[in-house]
Amino acid sequence: MLLYTVFSLLGIGIVLFLYDYLEKVRKIKNRLKILGVPPQKQKGGLSHLREILYDKEMELSEKSFLVSEENDI
């Protein structure tokens, strides 16, 4: 009975971990889709997707900064 309880808790933990991981990936992929990144580039693990998202957001912020600088002149 104790063994059953341990394995049940372990199984629940694994399911929750996978659900959390997949939710994070889904949110990042949705954000990348909104930013215009093609689906072919949206492959890889969570860390790779975070790098792509960071690069894209930095690119857009640089463009925004340059446009605001031009408007100030």
PDB file of N, CA and C in Angstrom:
ATOM      1  N   MET A   1       0.818  -1.191   0.000  1.00  0.00           N
ATOM      2  CA  MET A   1       0.000   0.000   0.000  1.00  0.00           C
ATOM      3  C   MET A   1       0.867   1.262   0.000  1.00  0.00           C
ATOM      4  N   LEU A   2       1.923   1.238   0.771  1.00  0.00           N
ATOM      5  CA  LEU A   2       2.832   2.375   0.821  1.00  0.00           C
ATOM      6  C   LEU A   2       3.529   2.569  -0.519  1.00  0.00           C
ATOM      7  N   LEU A   3       3.903   1.456  -1.130  1.00  0.00           N
ATOM      8  CA  LEU A   3       4.557   1.520  -2.440  1.00  0.00           C
ATOM      9  C   LEU A   3       3.616   2.126  -3.484  1.00  0.00           C
ATOM     10  N   TYR A   4       2.357   1.757  -3.444  1.00  0.00           N
ATOM     11  CA  TYR A   4       1.357   2.301  -4.351  1.00  0.00           C
ATOM     12  C   TYR A   4       1.234   3.815  -4.169  1.00  0.00           C
ATOM     13  N   THR A   5       1.224   4.277  -2.939  1.00  0.00           N
ATOM     14  CA  THR A   5       1.117   5.700  -2.640  1.00  0.00           C
ATOM     15  C   THR A   5       2.331   6.462  -3.169  1.00  0.00           C
ATOM     16  N   VAL A   6       3.508   5.899  -2.960  1.00  0.00           N
ATOM     17  CA  VAL A   6       4.735   6.545  -3.426  1.00  0.00           C
ATOM     18  C   VAL A   6       4.727   6.664  -4.943  1.00  0.00           C
ATOM     19  N   PHE A   7       4.384   5.586  -5.637  1.00  0.00           N
ATOM     20  CA  PHE A   7       4.359   5.624  -7.097  1.00  0.00           C
ATOM     21  C   PHE A   7       3.260   6.545  -7.615  1.00  0.00           C
ATOM     22  N   SER A   8       2.142   6.622  -6.918  1.00  0.00           N
ATOM     23  CA  SER A   8       1.066   7.529  -7.332  1.00  0.00           C
ATOM     24  C   SER A   8       1.523   8.978  -7.217  1.00  0.00           C
ATOM     25  N   LEU A   9       2.162   9.316  -6.129  1.00  0.00           N
ATOM     26  CA  LEU A   9       2.659  10.681  -5.944  1.00  0.00           C
ATOM     27  C   LEU A   9       3.746  11.005  -6.950  1.00  0.00           C
ATOM     28  N   LEU A  10       4.587  10.035  -7.228  1.00  0.00           N
ATOM     29  CA  LEU A  10       5.637  10.241  -8.223  1.00  0.00           C
ATOM     30  C   LEU A  10       5.031  10.460  -9.606  1.00  0.00           C
ATOM     31  N   GLY A  11       4.026   9.682  -9.942  1.00  0.00           N
ATOM     32  CA  GLY A  11       3.341   9.835 -11.229  1.00  0.00           C
ATOM     33  C   GLY A  11       2.664  11.182 -11.354  1.00  0.00           C
ATOM     34  N   ILE A  12       2.021  11.626 -10.280  1.00  0.00           N
ATOM     35  CA  ILE A  12       1.367  12.937 -10.292  1.00  0.00           C
ATOM     36  C   ILE A  12       2.402  14.042 -10.472  1.00  0.00           C
ATOM     37  N   GLY A  13       3.548  13.901  -9.810  1.00  0.00           N
ATOM     38  CA  GLY A  13       4.620  14.893  -9.944  1.00  0.00           C
ATOM     39  C   GLY A  13       5.139  14.980 -11.365  1.00  0.00           C
ATOM     40  N   ILE A  14       5.311  13.834 -11.989  1.00  0.00           N
ATOM     41  CA  ILE A  14       5.794  13.805 -13.373  1.00  0.00           C
ATOM     42  C   ILE A  14       4.777  14.451 -14.305  1.00  0.00           C
ATOM     43  N   VAL A  15       3.522  14.153 -14.125  1.00  0.00           N
ATOM     44  CA  VAL A  15       2.467  14.730 -14.967  1.00  0.00           C
ATOM     45  C   VAL A  15       2.424  16.248 -14.801  1.00  0.00           C
ATOM     46  N   LEU A  16       2.534  16.726 -13.564  1.00  0.00           N
ATOM     47  CA  LEU A  16       2.515  18.169 -13.330  1.00  0.00           C
ATOM     48  C   LEU A  16       3.737  18.845 -13.940  1.00  0.00           C
ATOM     49  N   PHE A  17       4.891  18.208 -13.848  1.00  0.00           N
ATOM     50  CA  PHE A  17       6.105  18.758 -14.442  1.00  0.00           C
ATOM     51  C   PHE A  17       5.970  18.849 -15.960  1.00  0.00           C
ATOM     52  N   LEU A  18       5.477  17.793 -16.593  1.00  0.00           N
ATOM     53  CA  LEU A  18       5.296  17.798 -18.048  1.00  0.00           C
ATOM     54  C   LEU A  18       4.265  18.844 -18.473  1.00  0.00           C
ATOM     55  N   TYR A  19       3.192  18.951 -17.724  1.00  0.00           N
ATOM     56  CA  TYR A  19       2.166  19.941 -18.048  1.00  0.00           C
ATOM     57  C   TYR A  19       2.749  21.350 -17.974  1.00  0.00           C
ATOM     58  N   ASP A  20       3.509  21.639 -16.929  1.00  0.00           N
ATOM     59  CA  ASP A  20       4.127  22.960 -16.772  1.00  0.00           C
ATOM     60  C   ASP A  20       5.097  23.242 -17.914  1.00  0.00           C
ATOM     61  N   TYR A  21       5.906  22.272 -18.267  1.00  0.00           N
ATOM     62  CA  TYR A  21       6.876  22.420 -19.357  1.00  0.00           C
ATOM     63  C   TYR A  21       6.161  22.698 -20.682  1.00  0.00           C
ATOM     64  N   LEU A  22       5.136  21.916 -20.975  1.00  0.00           N
ATOM     65  CA  LEU A  22       4.401  22.099 -22.234  1.00  0.00           C
ATOM     66  C   LEU A  22       3.660  23.428 -22.277  1.00  0.00           C
ATOM     67  N   GLU A  23       3.161  23.895 -21.136  1.00  0.00           N
ATOM     68  CA  GLU A  23       2.497  25.195 -21.083  1.00  0.00           C
ATOM     69  C   GLU A  23       3.484  26.320 -21.378  1.00  0.00           C
ATOM     70  N   LYS A  24       4.686  26.226 -20.823  1.00  0.00           N
ATOM     71  CA  LYS A  24       5.707  27.246 -21.075  1.00  0.00           C
ATOM     72  C   LYS A  24       6.080  27.273 -22.554  1.00  0.00           C
ATOM     73  N   VAL A  25       6.265  26.097 -23.140  1.00  0.00           N
ATOM     74  CA  VAL A  25       6.600  26.015 -24.567  1.00  0.00           C
ATOM     75  C   VAL A  25       5.478  26.595 -25.410  1.00  0.00           C
ATOM     76  N   ARG A  26       4.244  26.275 -25.069  1.00  0.00           N
ATOM     77  CA  ARG A  26       3.097  26.777 -25.826  1.00  0.00           C
ATOM     78  C   ARG A  26       3.013  28.296 -25.764  1.00  0.00           C
ATOM     79  N   LYS A  27       3.224  28.872 -24.577  1.00  0.00           N
ATOM     80  CA  LYS A  27       3.161  30.327 -24.426  1.00  0.00           C
ATOM     81  C   LYS A  27       4.256  31.014 -25.232  1.00  0.00           C
ATOM     82  N   ILE A  28       5.466  30.454 -25.199  1.00  0.00           N
ATOM     83  CA  ILE A  28       6.565  31.058 -25.952  1.00  0.00           C
ATOM     84  C   ILE A  28       6.303  30.943 -27.450  1.00  0.00           C
ATOM     85  N   LYS A  29       5.803  29.789 -27.903  1.00  0.00           N
ATOM     86  CA  LYS A  29       5.507  29.621 -29.331  1.00  0.00           C
ATOM     87  C   LYS A  29       4.413  30.581 -29.781  1.00  0.00           C
ATOM     88  N   ASN A  30       3.409  30.796 -28.944  1.00  0.00           N
ATOM     89  CA  ASN A  30       2.358  31.764 -29.288  1.00  0.00           C
ATOM     90  C   ASN A  30       2.924  33.167 -29.389  1.00  0.00           C
ATOM     91  N   ARG A  31       3.802  33.524 -28.479  1.00  0.00           N
ATOM     92  CA  ARG A  31       4.432  34.848 -28.520  1.00  0.00           C
ATOM     93  C   ARG A  31       5.292  35.006 -29.768  1.00  0.00           C
ATOM     94  N   LEU A  32       6.038  33.956 -30.112  1.00  0.00           N
ATOM     95  CA  LEU A  32       6.865  34.000 -31.316  1.00  0.00           C
ATOM     96  C   LEU A  32       6.001  34.132 -32.567  1.00  0.00           C
ATOM     97  N   LYS A  33       4.864  33.461 -32.557  1.00  0.00           N
ATOM     98  CA  LYS A  33       3.933  33.545 -33.688  1.00  0.00           C
ATOM     99  C   LYS A  33       3.420  34.972 -33.842  1.00  0.00           C
ATOM    100  N   ILE A  34       3.098  35.619 -32.733  1.00  0.00           N
ATOM    101  CA  ILE A  34       2.628  37.003 -32.757  1.00  0.00           C
ATOM    102  C   ILE A  34       3.722  37.933 -33.276  1.00  0.00           C
ATOM    103  N   LEU A  35       4.975  37.643 -32.913  1.00  0.00           N
ATOM    104  CA  LEU A  35       6.098  38.479 -33.339  1.00  0.00           C
ATOM    105  C   LEU A  35       6.528  38.213 -34.772  1.00  0.00           C
ATOM    106  N   GLY A  36       5.928  37.212 -35.422  1.00  0.00           N
ATOM    107  CA  GLY A  36       6.200  36.959 -36.829  1.00  0.00           C
ATOM    108  C   GLY A  36       7.334  36.000 -37.111  1.00  0.00           C
ATOM    109  N   VAL A  37       7.702  35.186 -36.138  1.00  0.00           N
ATOM    110  CA  VAL A  37       8.745  34.191 -36.364  1.00  0.00           C
ATOM    111  C   VAL A  37       8.108  32.995 -37.062  1.00  0.00           C
ATOM    112  N   PRO A  38       8.684  32.553 -38.192  1.00  0.00           N
ATOM    113  CA  PRO A  38       8.085  31.426 -38.910  1.00  0.00           C
ATOM    114  C   PRO A  38       8.140  30.128 -38.097  1.00  0.00           C
ATOM    115  N   PRO A  39       7.172  29.247 -38.303  1.00  0.00           N
ATOM    116  CA  PRO A  39       7.124  27.991 -37.537  1.00  0.00           C
ATOM    117  C   PRO A  39       8.366  27.116 -37.716  1.00  0.00           C
ATOM    118  N   GLN A  40       9.061  27.243 -38.845  1.00  0.00           N
ATOM    119  CA  GLN A  40      10.256  26.433 -39.064  1.00  0.00           C
ATOM    120  C   GLN A  40      11.345  26.777 -38.051  1.00  0.00           C
ATOM    121  N   LYS A  41      11.376  28.012 -37.574  1.00  0.00           N
ATOM    122  CA  LYS A  41      12.385  28.424 -36.593  1.00  0.00           C
ATOM    123  C   LYS A  41      11.959  28.130 -35.167  1.00  0.00           C
ATOM    124  N   GLN A  42      10.722  27.731 -34.973  1.00  0.00           N
ATOM    125  CA  GLN A  42      10.190  27.505 -33.631  1.00  0.00           C
ATOM    126  C   GLN A  42      10.395  26.069 -33.169  1.00  0.00           C
ATOM    127  N   LYS A  43      11.520  25.495 -33.503  1.00  0.00           N
ATOM    128  CA  LYS A  43      11.789  24.117 -33.103  1.00  0.00           C
ATOM    129  C   LYS A  43      12.894  24.109 -32.052  1.00  0.00           C
ATOM    130  N   GLY A  44      12.848  23.136 -31.207  1.00  0.00           N
ATOM    131  CA  GLY A  44      13.870  23.003 -30.187  1.00  0.00           C
ATOM    132  C   GLY A  44      13.260  22.976 -28.797  1.00  0.00           C
ATOM    133  N   GLY A  45      14.127  22.921 -27.831  1.00  0.00           N
ATOM    134  CA  GLY A  45      13.695  22.867 -26.446  1.00  0.00           C
ATOM    135  C   GLY A  45      13.327  24.235 -25.903  1.00  0.00           C
ATOM    136  N   LEU A  46      12.983  24.237 -24.648  1.00  0.00           N
ATOM    137  CA  LEU A  46      12.524  25.457 -23.992  1.00  0.00           C
ATOM    138  C   LEU A  46      13.608  26.530 -23.989  1.00  0.00           C
ATOM    139  N   SER A  47      14.844  26.157 -23.707  1.00  0.00           N
ATOM    140  CA  SER A  47      15.920  27.156 -23.662  1.00  0.00           C
ATOM    141  C   SER A  47      16.178  27.755 -25.045  1.00  0.00           C
ATOM    142  N   HIS A  48      16.100  26.926 -26.075  1.00  0.00           N
ATOM    143  CA  HIS A  48      16.293  27.429 -27.439  1.00  0.00           C
ATOM    144  C   HIS A  48      15.172  28.394 -27.829  1.00  0.00           C
ATOM    145  N   LEU A  49      13.950  28.061 -27.477  1.00  0.00           N
ATOM    146  CA  LEU A  49      12.816  28.939 -27.771  1.00  0.00           C
ATOM    147  C   LEU A  49      12.939  30.258 -27.014  1.00  0.00           C
ATOM    148  N   ARG A  50      13.429  30.201 -25.773  1.00  0.00           N
ATOM    149  CA  ARG A  50      13.632  31.427 -25.003  1.00  0.00           C
ATOM    150  C   ARG A  50      14.688  32.312 -25.658  1.00  0.00           C
ATOM    151  N   GLU A  51      15.736  31.706 -26.186  1.00  0.00           N
ATOM    152  CA  GLU A  51      16.774  32.476 -26.879  1.00  0.00           C
ATOM    153  C   GLU A  51      16.205  33.171 -28.113  1.00  0.00           C
ATOM    154  N   ILE A  52      15.403  32.440 -28.889  1.00  0.00           N
ATOM    155  CA  ILE A  52      14.788  33.018 -30.085  1.00  0.00           C
ATOM    156  C   ILE A  52      13.884  34.187 -29.686  1.00  0.00           C
ATOM    157  N   LEU A  53      13.088  33.989 -28.647  1.00  0.00           N
ATOM    158  CA  LEU A  53      12.180  35.036 -28.180  1.00  0.00           C
ATOM    159  C   LEU A  53      12.967  36.259 -27.707  1.00  0.00           C
ATOM    160  N   TYR A  54      14.023  36.034 -26.957  1.00  0.00           N
ATOM    161  CA  TYR A  54      14.855  37.142 -26.478  1.00  0.00           C
ATOM    162  C   TYR A  54      15.460  37.912 -27.648  1.00  0.00           C
ATOM    163  N   ASP A  55      16.010  37.183 -28.615  1.00  0.00           N
ATOM    164  CA  ASP A  55      16.615  37.843 -29.774  1.00  0.00           C
ATOM    165  C   ASP A  55      15.592  38.667 -30.551  1.00  0.00           C
ATOM    166  N   LYS A  56      14.415  38.111 -30.759  1.00  0.00           N
ATOM    167  CA  LYS A  56      13.373  38.808 -31.515  1.00  0.00           C
ATOM    168  C   LYS A  56      12.894  40.053 -30.773  1.00  0.00           C
ATOM    169  N   GLU A  57      12.706  39.934 -29.456  1.00  0.00           N
ATOM    170  CA  GLU A  57      12.261  41.086 -28.680  1.00  0.00           C
ATOM    171  C   GLU A  57      13.336  42.170 -28.634  1.00  0.00           C
ATOM    172  N   MET A  58      14.602  41.782 -28.560  1.00  0.00           N
ATOM    173  CA  MET A  58      15.689  42.762 -28.581  1.00  0.00           C
ATOM    174  C   MET A  58      15.743  43.465 -29.935  1.00  0.00           C
ATOM    175  N   GLU A  59      15.552  42.707 -31.004  1.00  0.00           N
ATOM    176  CA  GLU A  59      15.545  43.288 -32.347  1.00  0.00           C
ATOM    177  C   GLU A  59      14.431  44.320 -32.482  1.00  0.00           C
ATOM    178  N   LEU A  60      13.249  43.978 -31.995  1.00  0.00           N
ATOM    179  CA  LEU A  60      12.120  44.903 -32.088  1.00  0.00           C
ATOM    180  C   LEU A  60      12.310  46.130 -31.193  1.00  0.00           C
ATOM    181  N   SER A  61      12.905  45.942 -30.018  1.00  0.00           N
ATOM    182  CA  SER A  61      13.130  47.092 -29.141  1.00  0.00           C
ATOM    183  C   SER A  61      14.184  48.020 -29.728  1.00  0.00           C
ATOM    184  N   GLU A  62      15.203  47.469 -30.399  1.00  0.00           N
ATOM    185  CA  GLU A  62      16.205  48.304 -31.058  1.00  0.00           C
ATOM    186  C   GLU A  62      15.575  49.116 -32.191  1.00  0.00           C
ATOM    187  N   LYS A  63      14.705  48.476 -32.972  1.00  0.00           N
ATOM    188  CA  LYS A  63      14.014  49.187 -34.040  1.00  0.00           C
ATOM    189  C   LYS A  63      13.140  50.298 -33.465  1.00  0.00           C
ATOM    190  N   SER A  64      12.445  49.996 -32.389  1.00  0.00           N
ATOM    191  CA  SER A  64      11.585  50.986 -31.755  1.00  0.00           C
ATOM    192  C   SER A  64      12.406  52.152 -31.223  1.00  0.00           C
ATOM    193  N   PHE A  65      13.554  51.854 -30.632  1.00  0.00           N
ATOM    194  CA  PHE A  65      14.419  52.898 -30.109  1.00  0.00           C
ATOM    195  C   PHE A  65      14.938  53.780 -31.229  1.00  0.00           C
ATOM    196  N   LEU A  66      15.344  53.156 -32.336  1.00  0.00           N
ATOM    197  CA  LEU A  66      15.852  53.931 -33.465  1.00  0.00           C
ATOM    198  C   LEU A  66      14.778  54.830 -34.062  1.00  0.00           C
ATOM    199  N   VAL A  67      13.555  54.333 -34.139  1.00  0.00           N
ATOM    200  CA  VAL A  67      12.456  55.137 -34.664  1.00  0.00           C
ATOM    201  C   VAL A  67      12.179  56.300 -33.729  1.00  0.00           C
ATOM    202  N   SER A  68      12.192  56.070 -32.431  1.00  0.00           N
ATOM    203  CA  SER A  68      11.933  57.154 -31.482  1.00  0.00           C
ATOM    204  C   SER A  68      13.055  58.185 -31.523  1.00  0.00           C
ATOM    205  N   GLU A  69      14.274  57.735 -31.740  1.00  0.00           N
ATOM    206  CA  GLU A  69      15.405  58.673 -31.850  1.00  0.00           C
ATOM    207  C   GLU A  69      15.245  59.533 -33.102  1.00  0.00           C
ATOM    208  N   GLU A  70      14.797  58.937 -34.207  1.00  0.00           N
ATOM    209  CA  GLU A  70      14.604  59.703 -35.436  1.00  0.00           C
ATOM    210  C   GLU A  70      13.494  60.739 -35.267  1.00  0.00           C
ATOM    211  N   ASN A  71      12.479  60.393 -34.513  1.00  0.00           N
ATOM    212  CA  ASN A  71      11.371  61.323 -34.297  1.00  0.00           C
ATOM    213  C   ASN A  71      11.775  62.479 -33.389  1.00  0.00           C
ATOM    214  N   ASP A  72      12.746  62.268 -32.523  1.00  0.00           N
ATOM    215  CA  ASP A  72      13.202  63.328 -31.619  1.00  0.00           C
ATOM    216  C   ASP A  72      14.086  64.357 -32.326  1.00  0.00           C
ATOM    217  N   ILE A  73      14.651  63.982 -33.445  1.00  0.00           N
ATOM    218  CA  ILE A  73      15.580  64.877 -34.143  1.00  0.00           C
ATOM    219  C   ILE A  73      14.852  65.968 -34.885  1.00  0.00           C
TER     220      ILE A  73
END
